[in-house]
Amino acid sequence: MDDRQLKSISSQVSSKFPEVSGVIPNVKRQSSSKTKSSPSTYLITYRGKSKAADGKSITRIVRVTANDSGKIIKISTSRLWIFNLKNGI
C-alpha cells in the first residue's frame, strides 16, 4: 500500500469520524490465510479523542481493513469513556 492510497483511506475515515482527523494511523499487513496469490489486506487503526457534552473524554478507535489496492473492505469503531477518578466523575 502506498502513501496515496493511505491518504485516500484516511480522507474517507476522517469524513465519517472527524475526531480521528489528522491522526497518523498504525498500518499492519495481515497474512493471507488462503493462497499466496490472494491479495494482501491491511489493518489500519486510528485513535482519536474528543469531549462529550458533559465534559468527559471519549477515545474513538477506528479499525479499517483494506486490500492491497487501497479499497476499504470493512470499518469498525469503538468508543472508550475516560473517567476522572480524582473528581469522582
Protein backbone atom coordinates (compact mmCIF):
# COMPACT_ATOMS: atom_id res chain seq x y z
CA MET A 1 0.00 0.00 0.00
CA ASP A 2 1.45 3.35 -0.96
CA ASP A 3 1.08 6.81 0.59
CA ARG A 4 -1.52 7.94 -1.96
CA GLN A 5 -3.81 5.03 -1.10
CA LEU A 6 -3.34 5.58 2.63
CA LYS A 7 -4.19 9.29 2.25
CA SER A 8 -7.34 8.38 0.32
CA ILE A 9 -8.43 5.94 3.03
CA SER A 10 -7.62 8.48 5.77
CA SER A 11 -9.72 11.10 3.98
CA GLN A 12 -12.72 8.74 3.83
CA VAL A 13 -12.33 7.79 7.50
CA SER A 14 -11.95 11.44 8.59
CA SER A 15 -15.17 12.40 6.81
CA LYS A 16 -17.11 9.76 8.79
CA PHE A 17 -15.20 10.14 12.08
CA PRO A 18 -13.90 13.73 12.43
CA GLU A 19 -12.31 13.02 15.83
CA VAL A 20 -9.59 10.98 14.06
CA SER A 21 -8.88 13.69 11.50
CA GLY A 22 -5.15 14.37 11.26
CA VAL A 23 -4.22 11.21 13.18
CA ILE A 24 -1.32 9.17 11.83
CA PRO A 25 -2.67 5.62 11.60
CA ASN A 26 -0.98 2.40 12.58
CA VAL A 27 -0.73 0.15 9.48
CA LYS A 28 -0.20 -3.60 9.72
CA ARG A 29 -0.11 -6.04 6.85
CA GLN A 30 -2.27 -9.08 7.54
CA SER A 31 -1.21 -12.52 6.43
CA SER A 32 -3.33 -14.22 3.83
CA SER A 33 -4.85 -17.44 5.09
CA LYS A 34 -5.87 -18.70 1.65
CA THR A 35 -3.25 -18.86 -1.07
CA LYS A 36 -0.13 -16.88 -1.78
CA SER A 37 -1.78 -15.49 -4.91
CA SER A 38 -4.67 -13.91 -2.99
CA PRO A 39 -4.34 -10.15 -2.46
CA SER A 40 -2.89 -8.83 0.77
CA THR A 41 -5.04 -6.98 3.28
CA TYR A 42 -4.04 -4.29 5.75
CA LEU A 43 -5.37 -3.42 9.18
CA ILE A 44 -5.27 0.37 9.61
CA THR A 45 -6.01 1.66 13.11
CA TYR A 46 -6.84 5.27 14.05
CA ARG A 47 -7.09 6.52 17.64
CA GLY A 48 -8.57 9.95 18.37
CA LYS A 49 -10.05 11.85 21.32
CA SER A 50 -12.96 14.18 21.75
CA LYS A 51 -15.09 15.63 24.56
CA ALA A 52 -18.65 14.59 25.32
CA ALA A 53 -21.33 17.17 26.11
CA ASP A 54 -20.80 16.55 29.83
CA GLY A 55 -17.05 17.23 29.51
CA LYS A 56 -15.88 13.63 29.75
CA SER A 57 -13.15 12.50 27.38
CA ILE A 58 -14.02 9.91 24.75
CA THR A 59 -11.40 7.92 22.87
CA ARG A 60 -12.55 6.68 19.48
CA ILE A 61 -10.75 3.77 17.84
CA VAL A 62 -11.45 3.16 14.15
CA ARG A 63 -10.22 -0.06 12.55
CA VAL A 64 -10.18 -0.28 8.76
CA THR A 65 -9.50 -3.38 6.72
CA ALA A 66 -8.33 -2.50 3.21
CA ASN A 67 -6.95 -4.50 0.32
CA ASP A 68 -3.64 -4.06 -1.49
CA SER A 69 -5.16 -1.61 -3.98
CA GLY A 70 -6.48 0.70 -1.25
CA LYS A 71 -10.15 -0.34 -1.34
CA ILE A 72 -11.88 -0.33 2.05
CA ILE A 73 -13.32 -3.75 2.84
CA LYS A 74 -14.59 -3.14 6.38
CA ILE A 75 -14.74 -0.38 9.01
CA SER A 76 -15.41 -0.92 12.70
CA THR A 77 -15.32 1.57 15.54
CA SER A 78 -15.42 1.66 19.31
CA ARG A 79 -15.63 4.37 21.96
CA LEU A 80 -13.89 4.34 25.30
CA TRP A 81 -15.13 6.66 28.02
CA ILE A 82 -12.36 8.10 30.18
CA PHE A 83 -13.47 8.97 33.71
CA ASN A 84 -11.81 11.45 36.00
CA LEU A 85 -11.28 9.44 39.18
CA LYS A 86 -9.91 12.35 41.20
CA ASN A 87 -13.18 14.27 40.94
CA GLY A 88 -15.41 11.21 41.10
CA ILE A 89 -16.78 11.87 37.65
